Amino acid sequence: MELELKGKNAIISGSSRGIGLEIAKALHKEGCNVMINGRSELILKKSSQKIGNNVNYFVADVTKKSECQKLVKYTKKTFGDIDILVCNVGDGKSSKPGEEKDTEWKKMIEINLNSAINLINTSKNSLKKTSGSIVCISSIAGIERTDAPIPYSIAKSALNSYIKNNAKPFAKLGIRINGVAPGNILFKGSIWEKKILKNKKRVFDMISSKVAMNRFGTPIEIANSVVFLSSSSSSFTTGNILVIDGGQVKS
């Protein structure tokens, strides 16, 4: 399948490791010029070297609009206008239900919702020029009740609503916006790796009982979906949340 991505310019936020880095690698493999982003220059530098040529990086906290503006400005100066924007920043660490503090609610909204909104609003004019594509990394926790922390789940649910409600106004600008909702994804340094080290039997009993395919997903399986949604092969797709969870979600 010809995805027609060669020479396209892409920003992937939260891409110094894990799923974000795998997305960056996959887009680069298809011929994209890739700008990776994170908050640690050391990690970003090492990650960019792993990917290869036509890759650059920019240190920015995308929960801050002023830093998003700097990221977008640097990308346009380096590569040109933006064709693909992947909003991958997210964090699910929070307290047990009923024990959340006000600061945790604010943090979950900032990281899991506002990080995407800030970067999208800052990139919109550039994406309009290229008839670009936006892909936001959400979670199945935003679709139905899971064991994930409540503030995280609500923030991801809001992100899904943002994607769906913006499909029409963005389409008028020639921009497509979609989301990918991963299930349980295992990779080095992930929360699932830590949980397995703590109680392997409990984790795999949960996977066996809840996931139809009886396994974890991998970052490349998420990345492949993002590549598809970024490409001309999905040119009639917008406002959708693509679930990649091995058959866990029932709704």
C-alpha atoms as a PDB file:
ATOM      1  CA  MET A   1       0.000   0.000   0.000  1.00  0.00           C
ATOM      2  CA  GLU A   2       1.378   3.398  -0.998  1.00  0.00           C
ATOM      3  CA  LEU A   3       0.842   5.768   1.926  1.00  0.00           C
ATOM      4  CA  GLU A   4       2.245   8.864   0.170  1.00  0.00           C
ATOM      5  CA  LEU A   5       4.068  10.093   3.265  1.00  0.00           C
ATOM      6  CA  LYS A   6       7.507  10.675   1.773  1.00  0.00           C
ATOM      7  CA  GLY A   7       8.670  14.236   2.415  1.00  0.00           C
ATOM      8  CA  LYS A   8       5.837  15.033   4.827  1.00  0.00           C
ATOM      9  CA  ASN A   9       6.700  17.015   7.969  1.00  0.00           C
ATOM     10  CA  ALA A  10       5.613  15.548  11.291  1.00  0.00           C
ATOM     11  CA  ILE A  11       5.643  16.597  14.939  1.00  0.00           C
ATOM     12  CA  ILE A  12       5.198  13.911  17.579  1.00  0.00           C
ATOM     13  CA  SER A  13       4.850  15.220  21.121  1.00  0.00           C
ATOM     14  CA  GLY A  14       6.018  13.035  23.999  1.00  0.00           C
ATOM     15  CA  SER A  15       8.204  11.018  21.655  1.00  0.00           C
ATOM     16  CA  SER A  16      11.503  10.512  23.445  1.00  0.00           C
ATOM     17  CA  ARG A  17      10.571   6.937  24.417  1.00  0.00           C
ATOM     18  CA  GLY A  18       7.841   4.293  24.406  1.00  0.00           C
ATOM     19  CA  ILE A  19       4.854   4.627  22.084  1.00  0.00           C
ATOM     20  CA  GLY A  20       5.802   8.126  20.939  1.00  0.00           C
ATOM     21  CA  LEU A  21       9.279   7.069  19.862  1.00  0.00           C
ATOM     22  CA  GLU A  22       7.860   4.080  17.997  1.00  0.00           C
ATOM     23  CA  ILE A  23       5.464   6.402  16.158  1.00  0.00           C
ATOM     24  CA  ALA A  24       8.384   8.652  15.223  1.00  0.00           C
ATOM     25  CA  LYS A  25      10.342   5.656  13.897  1.00  0.00           C
ATOM     26  CA  ALA A  26       7.380   4.409  11.875  1.00  0.00           C
ATOM     27  CA  LEU A  27       6.713   7.799  10.254  1.00  0.00           C
ATOM     28  CA  HIS A  28      10.415   8.221   9.521  1.00  0.00           C
ATOM     29  CA  LYS A  29      10.469   4.790   7.891  1.00  0.00           C
ATOM     30  CA  GLU A  30       7.737   6.016   5.541  1.00  0.00           C
ATOM     31  CA  GLY A  31       9.933   8.965   4.520  1.00  0.00           C
ATOM     32  CA  CYS A  32       8.679  11.721   6.833  1.00  0.00           C
ATOM     33  CA  ASN A  33      10.803  14.513   8.243  1.00  0.00           C
ATOM     34  CA  VAL A  34      10.297  13.996  11.964  1.00  0.00           C
ATOM     35  CA  MET A  35      10.429  16.411  14.899  1.00  0.00           C
ATOM     36  CA  ILE A  36      10.427  14.578  18.219  1.00  0.00           C
ATOM     37  CA  ASN A  37       9.614  16.281  21.481  1.00  0.00           C
ATOM     38  CA  GLY A  38       9.997  15.800  25.213  1.00  0.00           C
ATOM     39  CA  ARG A  39      11.305  17.543  28.314  1.00  0.00           C
ATOM     40  CA  SER A  40      14.770  15.967  28.536  1.00  0.00           C
ATOM     41  CA  GLU A  41      17.349  17.106  25.990  1.00  0.00           C
ATOM     42  CA  LEU A  42      19.666  14.200  26.814  1.00  0.00           C
ATOM     43  CA  ILE A  43      17.010  11.562  26.156  1.00  0.00           C
ATOM     44  CA  LEU A  44      15.775  13.354  23.024  1.00  0.00           C
ATOM     45  CA  LYS A  45      19.270  13.559  21.598  1.00  0.00           C
ATOM     46  CA  LYS A  46      19.860   9.838  22.115  1.00  0.00           C
ATOM     47  CA  SER A  47      16.435   8.974  20.685  1.00  0.00           C
ATOM     48  CA  SER A  48      16.927  11.118  17.580  1.00  0.00           C
ATOM     49  CA  GLN A  49      20.234   9.368  16.891  1.00  0.00           C
ATOM     50  CA  LYS A  50      18.464   6.003  16.992  1.00  0.00           C
ATOM     51  CA  ILE A  51      16.041   7.078  14.272  1.00  0.00           C
ATOM     52  CA  GLY A  52      18.450   8.464  11.661  1.00  0.00           C
ATOM     53  CA  ASN A  53      18.556  11.324   9.154  1.00  0.00           C
ATOM     54  CA  ASN A  54      15.797  13.890   8.625  1.00  0.00           C
ATOM     55  CA  VAL A  55      15.082  13.845  12.358  1.00  0.00           C
ATOM     56  CA  ASN A  56      15.367  16.728  14.767  1.00  0.00           C
ATOM     57  CA  TYR A  57      14.233  17.338  18.325  1.00  0.00           C
ATOM     58  CA  PHE A  58      12.942  20.181  20.449  1.00  0.00           C
ATOM     59  CA  VAL A  59      12.674  20.382  24.231  1.00  0.00           C
ATOM     60  CA  ALA A  60       9.251  21.701  25.264  1.00  0.00           C
ATOM     61  CA  ASP A  61       6.578  21.147  27.896  1.00  0.00           C
ATOM     62  CA  VAL A  62       3.471  21.113  25.718  1.00  0.00           C
ATOM     63  CA  THR A  63       1.162  21.724  28.681  1.00  0.00           C
ATOM     64  CA  LYS A  64       2.410  25.309  28.269  1.00  0.00           C
ATOM     65  CA  LYS A  65       1.127  27.122  25.179  1.00  0.00           C
ATOM     66  CA  SER A  66       4.179  29.395  25.001  1.00  0.00           C
ATOM     67  CA  GLU A  67       6.429  26.343  24.640  1.00  0.00           C
ATOM     68  CA  CYS A  68       4.137  24.868  21.987  1.00  0.00           C
ATOM     69  CA  GLN A  69       4.582  28.067  20.007  1.00  0.00           C
ATOM     70  CA  LYS A  70       8.360  27.675  20.183  1.00  0.00           C
ATOM     71  CA  LEU A  71       8.121  24.024  19.096  1.00  0.00           C
ATOM     72  CA  VAL A  72       5.946  24.847  16.096  1.00  0.00           C
ATOM     73  CA  LYS A  73       8.127  27.817  15.105  1.00  0.00           C
ATOM     74  CA  TYR A  74      11.285  25.679  15.242  1.00  0.00           C
ATOM     75  CA  THR A  75       9.644  22.885  13.216  1.00  0.00           C
ATOM     76  CA  LYS A  76       8.530  25.286  10.484  1.00  0.00           C
ATOM     77  CA  LYS A  77      12.004  26.834  10.371  1.00  0.00           C
ATOM     78  CA  THR A  78      13.639  23.388  10.174  1.00  0.00           C
ATOM     79  CA  PHE A  79      11.292  21.493   7.836  1.00  0.00           C
ATOM     80  CA  GLY A  80       8.512  23.811   6.654  1.00  0.00           C
ATOM     81  CA  ASP A  81       4.779  23.720   7.329  1.00  0.00           C
ATOM     82  CA  ILE A  82       3.361  20.804   9.308  1.00  0.00           C
ATOM     83  CA  ASP A  83       1.626  17.920   7.520  1.00  0.00           C
ATOM     84  CA  ILE A  84       1.193  15.570  10.465  1.00  0.00           C
ATOM     85  CA  LEU A  85       0.674  16.322  14.148  1.00  0.00           C
ATOM     86  CA  VAL A  86       0.655  13.482  16.676  1.00  0.00           C
ATOM     87  CA  CYS A  87      -0.347  14.441  20.222  1.00  0.00           C
ATOM     88  CA  ASN A  88       1.060  11.676  22.393  1.00  0.00           C
ATOM     89  CA  VAL A  89       1.660  13.282  25.805  1.00  0.00           C
ATOM     90  CA  GLY A  90      -0.181  11.507  28.622  1.00  0.00           C
ATOM     91  CA  ASP A  91       0.142  10.271  32.183  1.00  0.00           C
ATOM     92  CA  GLY A  92      -2.195   8.127  34.275  1.00  0.00           C
ATOM     93  CA  LYS A  93      -0.554   8.323  37.680  1.00  0.00           C
ATOM     94  CA  SER A  94      -3.095   9.378  40.299  1.00  0.00           C
ATOM     95  CA  SER A  95      -4.548   8.418  43.682  1.00  0.00           C
ATOM     96  CA  LYS A  96      -7.155   5.771  44.476  1.00  0.00           C
ATOM     97  CA  PRO A  97     -10.801   6.644  43.723  1.00  0.00           C
ATOM     98  CA  GLY A  98     -12.112   9.154  46.218  1.00  0.00           C
ATOM     99  CA  GLU A  99      -8.643  10.144  47.406  1.00  0.00           C
ATOM    100  CA  GLU A 100      -7.716  12.478  44.558  1.00  0.00           C
ATOM    101  CA  LYS A 101      -6.553  15.952  45.487  1.00  0.00           C
ATOM    102  CA  ASP A 102      -7.495  19.091  43.558  1.00  0.00           C
ATOM    103  CA  THR A 103      -3.930  19.325  42.248  1.00  0.00           C
ATOM    104  CA  GLU A 104      -4.181  15.821  40.765  1.00  0.00           C
ATOM    105  CA  TRP A 105      -7.349  16.665  38.859  1.00  0.00           C
ATOM    106  CA  LYS A 106      -5.690  19.747  37.443  1.00  0.00           C
ATOM    107  CA  LYS A 107      -2.547  17.796  36.537  1.00  0.00           C
ATOM    108  CA  MET A 108      -4.489  15.047  34.717  1.00  0.00           C
ATOM    109  CA  ILE A 109      -6.416  17.607  32.653  1.00  0.00           C
ATOM    110  CA  GLU A 110      -3.262  19.568  31.819  1.00  0.00           C
ATOM    111  CA  ILE A 111      -1.285  16.511  30.722  1.00  0.00           C
ATOM    112  CA  ASN A 112      -3.936  14.385  29.029  1.00  0.00           C
ATOM    113  CA  LEU A 113      -6.183  17.033  27.461  1.00  0.00           C
ATOM    114  CA  ASN A 114      -4.658  20.504  27.403  1.00  0.00           C
ATOM    115  CA  SER A 115      -1.318  19.244  26.084  1.00  0.00           C
ATOM    116  CA  ALA A 116      -3.119  18.220  22.888  1.00  0.00           C
ATOM    117  CA  ILE A 117      -5.351  21.303  22.675  1.00  0.00           C
ATOM    118  CA  ASN A 118      -2.390  23.664  23.142  1.00  0.00           C
ATOM    119  CA  LEU A 119      -0.353  22.036  20.387  1.00  0.00           C
ATOM    120  CA  ILE A 120      -3.287  21.715  17.994  1.00  0.00           C
ATOM    121  CA  ASN A 121      -4.296  25.368  18.391  1.00  0.00           C
ATOM    122  CA  THR A 122      -0.701  26.451  17.849  1.00  0.00           C
ATOM    123  CA  SER A 123      -0.291  24.250  14.753  1.00  0.00           C
ATOM    124  CA  LYS A 124      -3.692  24.862  13.166  1.00  0.00           C
ATOM    125  CA  ASN A 125      -2.665  27.584  10.713  1.00  0.00           C
ATOM    126  CA  SER A 126       0.269  25.535   9.472  1.00  0.00           C
ATOM    127  CA  LEU A 127      -1.855  22.368   9.149  1.00  0.00           C
ATOM    128  CA  LYS A 128      -4.445  24.362   7.214  1.00  0.00           C
ATOM    129  CA  LYS A 129      -1.847  25.194   4.558  1.00  0.00           C
ATOM    130  CA  THR A 130      -0.988  21.513   4.040  1.00  0.00           C
ATOM    131  CA  SER A 131      -4.469  19.994   4.525  1.00  0.00           C
ATOM    132  CA  GLY A 132      -2.825  18.152   7.365  1.00  0.00           C
ATOM    133  CA  SER A 133      -3.754  15.319   9.676  1.00  0.00           C
ATOM    134  CA  ILE A 134      -3.937  15.263  13.485  1.00  0.00           C
ATOM    135  CA  VAL A 135      -3.822  12.057  15.523  1.00  0.00           C
ATOM    136  CA  CYS A 136      -4.297  12.154  19.290  1.00  0.00           C
ATOM    137  CA  ILE A 137      -3.270   9.224  21.476  1.00  0.00           C
ATOM    138  CA  SER A 138      -6.123   8.589  23.887  1.00  0.00           C
ATOM    139  CA  SER A 139      -6.961   5.432  25.876  1.00  0.00           C
ATOM    140  CA  ILE A 140      -9.687   2.825  26.253  1.00  0.00           C
ATOM    141  CA  ALA A 141     -10.064   4.325  29.754  1.00  0.00           C
ATOM    142  CA  GLY A 142     -11.739   7.256  28.018  1.00  0.00           C
ATOM    143  CA  ILE A 143     -14.301   4.970  26.362  1.00  0.00           C
ATOM    144  CA  GLU A 144     -15.559   2.764  29.174  1.00  0.00           C
ATOM    145  CA  ARG A 145     -14.868   2.092  32.846  1.00  0.00           C
ATOM    146  CA  THR A 146     -11.584   0.323  33.521  1.00  0.00           C
ATOM    147  CA  ASP A 147      -9.330   0.085  36.562  1.00  0.00           C
ATOM    148  CA  ALA A 148      -7.498   3.243  35.465  1.00  0.00           C
ATOM    149  CA  PRO A 149      -7.513   6.289  37.798  1.00  0.00           C
ATOM    150  CA  ILE A 150     -10.699   8.331  37.502  1.00  0.00           C
ATOM    151  CA  PRO A 151      -9.091  11.730  36.691  1.00  0.00           C
ATOM    152  CA  TYR A 152      -7.072  10.105  33.901  1.00  0.00           C
ATOM    153  CA  SER A 153     -10.143   8.368  32.494  1.00  0.00           C
ATOM    154  CA  ILE A 154     -12.195  11.569  32.523  1.00  0.00           C
ATOM    155  CA  ALA A 155      -9.400  13.553  30.869  1.00  0.00           C
ATOM    156  CA  LYS A 156      -9.123  10.967  28.071  1.00  0.00           C
ATOM    157  CA  SER A 157     -12.905  10.910  27.689  1.00  0.00           C
ATOM    158  CA  ALA A 158     -12.791  14.685  27.242  1.00  0.00           C
ATOM    159  CA  LEU A 159     -10.037  14.277  24.641  1.00  0.00           C
ATOM    160  CA  ASN A 160     -12.223  11.833  22.704  1.00  0.00           C
ATOM    161  CA  SER A 161     -15.079  14.327  22.802  1.00  0.00           C
ATOM    162  CA  TYR A 162     -12.740  17.090  21.616  1.00  0.00           C
ATOM    163  CA  ILE A 163     -11.732  14.952  18.623  1.00  0.00           C
ATOM    164  CA  LYS A 164     -15.306  14.104  17.633  1.00  0.00           C
ATOM    165  CA  ASN A 165     -16.667  17.617  18.087  1.00  0.00           C
ATOM    166  CA  ASN A 166     -13.856  19.222  16.095  1.00  0.00           C
ATOM    167  CA  ALA A 167     -14.154  16.926  13.083  1.00  0.00           C
ATOM    168  CA  LYS A 168     -16.567  19.257  11.252  1.00  0.00           C
ATOM    169  CA  PRO A 169     -14.958  22.665  11.958  1.00  0.00           C
ATOM    170  CA  PHE A 170     -11.519  21.253  11.207  1.00  0.00           C
ATOM    171  CA  ALA A 171     -12.770  19.662   7.977  1.00  0.00           C
ATOM    172  CA  LYS A 172     -13.790  23.139   6.806  1.00  0.00           C
ATOM    173  CA  LEU A 173     -10.102  24.040   7.132  1.00  0.00           C
ATOM    174  CA  GLY A 174      -9.056  20.913   5.238  1.00  0.00           C
ATOM    175  CA  ILE A 175      -7.684  19.271   8.399  1.00  0.00           C
ATOM    176  CA  ARG A 176      -8.526  15.750   9.553  1.00  0.00           C
ATOM    177  CA  ILE A 177      -8.476  14.821  13.261  1.00  0.00           C
ATOM    178  CA  ASN A 178      -8.655  11.301  14.686  1.00  0.00           C
ATOM    179  CA  GLY A 179      -7.660   9.453  17.812  1.00  0.00           C
ATOM    180  CA  VAL A 180      -6.126   6.124  18.718  1.00  0.00           C
ATOM    181  CA  ALA A 181      -7.222   4.477  21.967  1.00  0.00           C
ATOM    182  CA  PRO A 182      -4.678   1.871  23.075  1.00  0.00           C
ATOM    183  CA  GLY A 183      -5.425  -0.859  25.558  1.00  0.00           C
ATOM    184  CA  ASN A 184      -2.649  -2.441  27.615  1.00  0.00           C
ATOM    185  CA  ILE A 185       0.667  -1.756  25.867  1.00  0.00           C
ATOM    186  CA  LEU A 186       3.866  -3.301  27.189  1.00  0.00           C
ATOM    187  CA  PHE A 187       7.308  -1.815  26.583  1.00  0.00           C
ATOM    188  CA  LYS A 188      10.508  -1.146  28.485  1.00  0.00           C
ATOM    189  CA  GLY A 189       9.890   1.385  31.237  1.00  0.00           C
ATOM    190  CA  SER A 190       6.090   1.158  30.973  1.00  0.00           C
ATOM    191  CA  ILE A 191       3.773   0.974  33.964  1.00  0.00           C
ATOM    192  CA  TRP A 192       2.929  -2.589  32.953  1.00  0.00           C
ATOM    193  CA  GLU A 193       6.575  -3.635  33.143  1.00  0.00           C
ATOM    194  CA  LYS A 194       6.659  -2.348  36.715  1.00  0.00           C
ATOM    195  CA  LYS A 195       3.417  -4.129  37.601  1.00  0.00           C
ATOM    196  CA  ILE A 196       4.718  -7.416  36.173  1.00  0.00           C
ATOM    197  CA  LEU A 197       7.853  -7.162  38.294  1.00  0.00           C
ATOM    198  CA  LYS A 198       5.667  -6.546  41.339  1.00  0.00           C
ATOM    199  CA  ASN A 199       3.073  -9.296  40.766  1.00  0.00           C
ATOM    200  CA  LYS A 200       3.391 -11.188  37.498  1.00  0.00           C
ATOM    201  CA  LYS A 201       0.580 -13.679  38.175  1.00  0.00           C
ATOM    202  CA  ARG A 202      -1.954 -10.995  39.037  1.00  0.00           C
ATOM    203  CA  VAL A 203      -1.170  -9.034  35.870  1.00  0.00           C
ATOM    204  CA  PHE A 204      -1.431 -11.986  33.510  1.00  0.00           C
ATOM    205  CA  ASP A 205      -4.591 -13.254  35.219  1.00  0.00           C
ATOM    206  CA  MET A 206      -6.107  -9.850  34.475  1.00  0.00           C
ATOM    207  CA  ILE A 207      -4.982  -9.976  30.833  1.00  0.00           C
ATOM    208  CA  SER A 208      -6.392 -13.493  30.468  1.00  0.00           C
ATOM    209  CA  SER A 209      -9.770 -12.521  31.889  1.00  0.00           C
ATOM    210  CA  LYS A 210     -10.250  -9.152  30.158  1.00  0.00           C
ATOM    211  CA  VAL A 211      -8.379  -9.196  26.823  1.00  0.00           C
ATOM    212  CA  ALA A 212      -9.861 -11.414  24.088  1.00  0.00           C
ATOM    213  CA  MET A 213      -6.477 -11.956  22.435  1.00  0.00           C
ATOM    214  CA  ASN A 214      -4.928 -12.820  25.813  1.00  0.00           C
ATOM    215  CA  ARG A 215      -1.804 -10.696  25.437  1.00  0.00           C
ATOM    216  CA  PHE A 216      -0.375  -7.193  25.727  1.00  0.00           C
ATOM    217  CA  GLY A 217      -0.168  -4.901  22.749  1.00  0.00           C
ATOM    218  CA  THR A 218       3.116  -3.487  21.450  1.00  0.00           C
ATOM    219  CA  PRO A 219       4.132   0.098  20.600  1.00  0.00           C
ATOM    220  CA  ILE A 220       4.550  -0.780  16.914  1.00  0.00           C
ATOM    221  CA  GLU A 221       0.898  -1.865  16.750  1.00  0.00           C
ATOM    222  CA  ILE A 222      -0.108   1.598  17.922  1.00  0.00           C
ATOM    223  CA  ALA A 223       2.415   3.253  15.604  1.00  0.00           C
ATOM    224  CA  ASN A 224       1.093   1.405  12.547  1.00  0.00           C
ATOM    225  CA  SER A 225      -2.398   2.709  13.273  1.00  0.00           C
ATOM    226  CA  VAL A 226      -1.102   6.262  13.605  1.00  0.00           C
ATOM    227  CA  VAL A 227       0.755   5.977  10.300  1.00  0.00           C
ATOM    228  CA  PHE A 228      -2.446   4.835   8.580  1.00  0.00           C
ATOM    229  CA  LEU A 229      -4.500   7.695  10.054  1.00  0.00           C
ATOM    230  CA  SER A 230      -1.777  10.155   9.033  1.00  0.00           C
ATOM    231  CA  SER A 231      -1.750   8.988   5.441  1.00  0.00           C
ATOM    232  CA  SER A 232      -3.835   9.471   2.306  1.00  0.00           C
ATOM    233  CA  SER A 233      -5.102   5.911   2.754  1.00  0.00           C
ATOM    234  CA  SER A 234      -7.437   7.257   5.453  1.00  0.00           C
ATOM    235  CA  SER A 235      -8.420  10.397   3.517  1.00  0.00           C
ATOM    236  CA  PHE A 236     -12.169   9.908   4.211  1.00  0.00           C
ATOM    237  CA  THR A 237     -11.670   9.277   7.942  1.00  0.00           C
ATOM    238  CA  THR A 238     -12.072  12.008  10.537  1.00  0.00           C
ATOM    239  CA  GLY A 239     -13.616  12.385  13.989  1.00  0.00           C
ATOM    240  CA  ASN A 240     -12.968   8.723  14.798  1.00  0.00           C
ATOM    241  CA  ILE A 241     -11.388   6.986  17.790  1.00  0.00           C
ATOM    242  CA  LEU A 242      -9.641   3.809  16.645  1.00  0.00           C
ATOM    243  CA  VAL A 243      -9.513   1.257  19.460  1.00  0.00           C
ATOM    244  CA  ILE A 244      -6.392  -0.947  19.548  1.00  0.00           C
ATOM    245  CA  ASP A 245      -6.860  -3.177  22.584  1.00  0.00           C
ATOM    246  CA  GLY A 246      -6.925  -6.852  21.595  1.00  0.00           C
ATOM    247  CA  GLY A 247     -10.672  -7.064  22.170  1.00  0.00           C
ATOM    248  CA  GLN A 248     -10.930  -5.645  25.684  1.00  0.00           C
ATOM    249  CA  VAL A 249     -13.524  -2.905  25.208  1.00  0.00           C
ATOM    250  CA  LYS A 250     -17.055  -4.299  25.213  1.00  0.00           C
ATOM    251  CA  SER A 251     -19.104  -1.194  24.451  1.00  0.00           C
END
